[in-house]
Every structure is written in C-alpha cells, then in structure tokens.
C-alpha cells in the first residue's frame, strides 16, 4: 500500500514533469520560425575598432602608412590626429582625411584600403550559450547560419539546437526567431540554413534531458 509520503512524492514528480514539458513546448513554439524568406539587407562594409587600414596619399609616400583603428574608433596618422573612423566606409574616411590634409597639402588625393576586418561592434554576429566556441564574429556579405556554425565549431552535446533563437533588431525593435540547429547540423536539412544579418545574436540553450 502506498504511504502518504510516497503519494506526495509521486504527485510532485508528475507535476514537475508536466511543468517541464509545458515549458519545453512553450520554448519551442513561442517564437516564429526564421525562414529564407525576407528582403535582403544591402550592406556596405563599415570600419570598426581593431580593423587595419592602409592609407595611401597620392604622391606623398612619407605620410602614407598602415594604421590600426584604436578601441575608441579613431585613427592617427602624420598630420591627422584622432580622426573618427569607426562606422564609416573606406570612401567616407578617405574624404575626411582629404579634408584634414587640405590644410597642409594642395588638393590631396587619399585612398583607404581595409586589410584587417573586424567591423563595428553593432554589426558583429554574437553567438552565446551551448556553442563549442561562443564568440563575436565579423559579419560578411551573404552570411548564413551554416557559416556561423562552422566558425564556432558547431554545438555541444548538451545543446538544445532546435530551440536556439536569433535576436534581431528590425526597425529599431528587437525580435526573436527560432532556428533549427539540430536539423541543420545533425540531419543535414539545408532548409534550416537561413541568412544572418548584421548585429544578430544567436542564443543556443542547454537541453534539459
């Protein structure tokens, strides 16, 4: 015969199981599934802290050089001090350098070539949770979820891959979308390979079982 303590234990166990199942179900269905549908986002590469820039001033090799973008997003070259570079295109930065150099040179012509790519923090792809190597990745044109998984080494054995989600800013508002990492990585379902955009955050939760 069951004792009251055994009955209470069994009842509590069933309650926990039901709550856990409901939680897992709601976690899987609360966000819309991210698909390949949607408008492609135009992208011009923006300079970010940590990038390396090759600055060429035509006919002035003595002030042409390769410089890093400092953590504060600025650069310093001969005749150009503390010039903001972060979140500008190479063409925009070249025009800014020309404007500064015009105080010292007649009609300077500047070309900026980005040779080391990191990009602004706001455009990096961040992967957190149960990835093999959680990290922030530079965004590349036409980047997909598969590219992100290759870069981070896949997911751990404890990951709930099909409950992963992408947090994306759309029109200034954060939205969340479910992605199917297990289907992509373990089952080879190429339909689960969706585009990622600048600033996406991929969250990979831990499995409960």
Protein backbone atom coordinates (compact mmCIF):
# COMPACT_ATOMS: atom_id res chain seq x y z
CA UNK A 1 0.00 0.00 0.00
CA UNK A 2 1.24 3.44 -0.89
CA UNK A 3 2.10 5.62 2.08
CA UNK A 4 1.11 9.32 2.13
CA UNK A 5 4.76 10.30 1.67
CA UNK A 6 5.10 8.10 -1.41
CA UNK A 7 1.88 9.51 -2.81
CA UNK A 8 3.05 13.09 -2.29
CA UNK A 9 6.41 12.29 -3.88
CA UNK A 10 4.73 10.71 -6.92
CA UNK A 11 2.32 13.63 -7.25
CA UNK A 12 5.18 16.15 -7.03
CA UNK A 13 7.21 14.24 -9.64
CA UNK A 14 4.28 14.18 -12.07
CA UNK A 15 3.71 17.90 -11.54
CA UNK A 16 7.38 18.68 -12.25
CA UNK A 17 7.27 16.52 -15.38
CA UNK A 18 4.14 18.28 -16.66
CA UNK A 19 5.54 21.75 -15.94
CA UNK A 20 8.84 20.85 -17.62
CA UNK A 21 7.01 19.52 -20.68
CA UNK A 22 4.89 22.64 -20.93
CA UNK A 23 7.98 24.81 -20.57
CA UNK A 24 9.79 22.93 -23.32
CA UNK A 25 6.74 23.11 -25.57
CA UNK A 26 6.30 26.84 -25.00
CA UNK A 27 10.03 27.45 -25.54
CA UNK A 28 9.83 25.69 -28.89
CA UNK A 29 6.71 27.44 -30.11
CA UNK A 30 6.79 30.93 -28.60
CA UNK A 31 8.97 32.39 -31.38
CA UNK A 32 8.23 32.31 -35.09
CA UNK A 33 10.49 30.09 -37.16
CA UNK A 34 13.11 32.01 -39.15
CA UNK A 35 12.95 31.16 -42.85
CA UNK A 36 14.78 32.07 -46.03
CA UNK A 37 12.01 34.48 -46.90
CA UNK A 38 12.56 38.18 -46.42
CA UNK A 39 14.13 41.18 -48.03
CA UNK A 40 17.89 41.12 -48.50
CA UNK A 41 19.59 43.83 -46.46
CA UNK A 42 22.02 45.98 -48.50
CA UNK A 43 25.43 46.14 -46.90
CA UNK A 44 28.46 48.39 -47.28
CA UNK A 45 31.37 47.37 -45.09
CA UNK A 46 31.82 49.74 -42.17
CA UNK A 47 35.15 50.20 -40.42
CA UNK A 48 35.35 49.12 -36.79
CA UNK A 49 37.80 49.15 -33.86
CA UNK A 50 40.60 46.66 -34.47
CA UNK A 51 40.48 46.96 -38.26
CA UNK A 52 43.74 47.63 -40.08
CA UNK A 53 43.72 50.41 -42.67
CA UNK A 54 46.20 51.07 -45.44
CA UNK A 55 46.08 54.83 -46.06
CA UNK A 56 47.63 55.96 -49.33
CA UNK A 57 48.13 59.67 -50.02
CA UNK A 58 48.88 60.12 -53.73
CA UNK A 59 52.38 61.48 -54.38
CA UNK A 60 53.04 61.70 -50.65
CA UNK A 61 54.58 58.37 -49.58
CA UNK A 62 56.03 59.93 -46.44
CA UNK A 63 52.54 60.27 -44.93
CA UNK A 64 51.11 57.08 -46.43
CA UNK A 65 51.03 54.18 -43.99
CA UNK A 66 49.14 51.27 -42.46
CA UNK A 67 47.40 52.07 -39.17
CA UNK A 68 45.08 50.23 -36.76
CA UNK A 69 41.73 51.59 -35.70
CA UNK A 70 42.00 52.19 -31.96
CA UNK A 71 39.48 50.80 -29.44
CA UNK A 72 37.91 54.27 -29.31
CA UNK A 73 37.25 54.06 -33.07
CA UNK A 74 39.79 56.72 -34.06
CA UNK A 75 43.00 56.73 -36.10
CA UNK A 76 46.13 58.84 -36.05
CA UNK A 77 48.48 59.40 -38.99
CA UNK A 78 51.04 62.11 -39.81
CA UNK A 79 49.17 65.44 -39.99
CA UNK A 80 45.91 63.71 -38.98
CA UNK A 81 45.29 63.25 -35.25
CA UNK A 82 42.39 61.49 -33.53
CA UNK A 83 40.18 61.24 -36.60
CA UNK A 84 36.97 59.17 -36.05
CA UNK A 85 36.98 56.15 -38.37
CA UNK A 86 34.54 53.67 -36.84
CA UNK A 87 31.22 53.05 -38.64
CA UNK A 88 32.40 54.81 -41.80
CA UNK A 89 33.01 53.27 -45.21
CA UNK A 90 36.55 53.42 -46.58
CA UNK A 91 35.40 56.06 -49.09
CA UNK A 92 33.86 58.25 -46.39
CA UNK A 93 37.02 58.03 -44.31
CA UNK A 94 39.19 58.88 -47.34
CA UNK A 95 37.17 62.06 -47.91
CA UNK A 96 37.51 63.01 -44.22
CA UNK A 97 41.27 62.54 -44.37
CA UNK A 98 41.45 64.65 -47.53
CA UNK A 99 39.55 67.44 -45.79
CA UNK A 100 42.00 67.39 -42.88
CA UNK A 101 45.07 67.19 -45.12
CA UNK A 102 43.84 70.07 -47.27
CA UNK A 103 45.08 72.39 -44.51
CA UNK A 104 48.63 71.29 -45.33
CA UNK A 105 48.56 69.93 -48.90
CA UNK A 106 47.07 71.23 -52.11
CA UNK A 107 44.20 69.02 -53.32
CA UNK A 108 45.26 65.81 -51.56
CA UNK A 109 44.01 62.53 -53.00
CA UNK A 110 43.57 59.73 -50.46
CA UNK A 111 42.68 56.07 -50.83
CA UNK A 112 41.79 53.90 -47.80
CA UNK A 113 42.10 50.12 -48.11
CA UNK A 114 40.84 47.90 -45.31
CA UNK A 115 43.24 44.97 -44.85
CA UNK A 116 42.12 43.54 -41.49
CA UNK A 117 38.42 43.05 -40.96
CA UNK A 118 36.54 43.08 -37.66
CA UNK A 119 33.84 45.71 -38.18
CA UNK A 120 31.81 47.77 -35.71
CA UNK A 121 30.54 46.02 -32.58
CA UNK A 122 26.96 46.68 -33.64
CA UNK A 123 27.43 44.69 -36.86
CA UNK A 124 29.15 41.65 -35.37
CA UNK A 125 27.35 38.32 -35.08
CA UNK A 126 27.35 37.17 -31.44
CA UNK A 127 26.97 33.51 -30.50
CA UNK A 128 26.25 32.68 -26.85
CA UNK A 129 25.27 29.56 -24.97
CA UNK A 130 25.99 25.96 -25.96
CA UNK A 131 28.33 26.58 -28.90
CA UNK A 132 31.72 24.89 -28.95
CA UNK A 133 33.42 28.31 -29.11
CA UNK A 134 30.99 31.12 -28.19
CA UNK A 135 32.30 34.35 -29.68
CA UNK A 136 31.62 37.50 -31.70
CA UNK A 137 32.15 37.14 -35.46
CA UNK A 138 32.70 39.78 -38.15
CA UNK A 139 29.71 39.98 -40.49
CA UNK A 140 30.26 39.02 -44.12
CA UNK A 141 28.01 39.59 -47.12
CA UNK A 142 25.53 36.72 -47.66
CA UNK A 143 26.49 35.09 -44.35
CA UNK A 144 24.30 32.17 -43.28
CA UNK A 145 23.61 30.15 -40.17
CA UNK A 146 25.87 27.38 -41.50
CA UNK A 147 28.77 29.83 -41.82
CA UNK A 148 28.25 30.83 -38.20
CA UNK A 149 28.20 27.20 -37.06
CA UNK A 150 31.43 26.44 -38.93
CA UNK A 151 33.12 29.45 -37.32
CA UNK A 152 32.13 28.45 -33.76
CA UNK A 153 32.81 24.74 -34.24
CA UNK A 154 29.19 23.59 -34.02
CA UNK A 155 27.16 22.97 -30.86
CA UNK A 156 27.91 20.99 -27.69
CA UNK A 157 26.40 17.65 -26.77
CA UNK A 158 24.26 19.47 -24.21
CA UNK A 159 22.74 21.94 -26.68
CA UNK A 160 19.04 22.09 -27.48
CA UNK A 161 19.77 23.02 -31.08
CA UNK A 162 16.21 23.18 -32.33
CA UNK A 163 15.30 25.56 -29.51
CA UNK A 164 18.02 28.03 -30.49
CA UNK A 165 16.89 31.50 -31.43
CA UNK A 166 18.17 34.59 -33.18
CA UNK A 167 17.62 38.01 -31.62
CA UNK A 168 17.43 40.58 -34.42
CA UNK A 169 16.79 44.33 -34.43
CA UNK A 170 14.20 45.30 -37.04
CA UNK A 171 13.14 48.95 -37.39
CA UNK A 172 14.69 49.72 -34.01
CA UNK A 173 12.84 46.91 -32.20
CA UNK A 174 14.24 43.59 -31.03
CA UNK A 175 12.50 40.49 -32.38
CA UNK A 176 13.25 36.82 -31.75
CA UNK A 177 13.09 33.95 -34.23
CA UNK A 178 13.54 30.23 -33.72
CA UNK A 179 16.19 28.38 -35.76
CA UNK A 180 16.75 24.63 -36.23
CA UNK A 181 20.40 23.92 -35.49
CA UNK A 182 19.94 20.19 -34.89
CA UNK A 183 18.16 19.78 -38.21
CA UNK A 184 20.90 21.73 -39.96
CA UNK A 185 23.99 20.21 -38.34
CA UNK A 186 22.97 16.67 -37.43
CA UNK A 187 20.35 15.91 -40.08
CA UNK A 188 21.80 17.94 -42.95
CA UNK A 189 18.50 19.72 -43.60
CA UNK A 190 19.62 22.56 -45.84
CA UNK A 191 16.25 24.29 -45.50
CA UNK A 192 17.32 25.15 -41.94
CA UNK A 193 20.25 27.19 -43.30
CA UNK A 194 18.88 30.72 -43.07
CA UNK A 195 20.61 34.08 -43.65
CA UNK A 196 22.03 36.01 -40.73
CA UNK A 197 22.20 39.79 -40.67
CA UNK A 198 24.41 42.42 -39.11
CA UNK A 199 24.01 42.56 -35.35
CA UNK A 200 22.24 39.20 -34.96
CA UNK A 201 22.62 37.42 -31.62
CA UNK A 202 22.38 33.61 -31.74
CA UNK A 203 21.31 32.11 -28.40
CA UNK A 204 21.81 28.34 -28.01
CA UNK A 205 20.10 27.00 -24.85
CA UNK A 206 21.05 23.90 -22.88
CA UNK A 207 18.91 20.78 -23.18
CA UNK A 208 17.04 19.66 -20.06
CA UNK A 209 17.47 15.97 -20.90
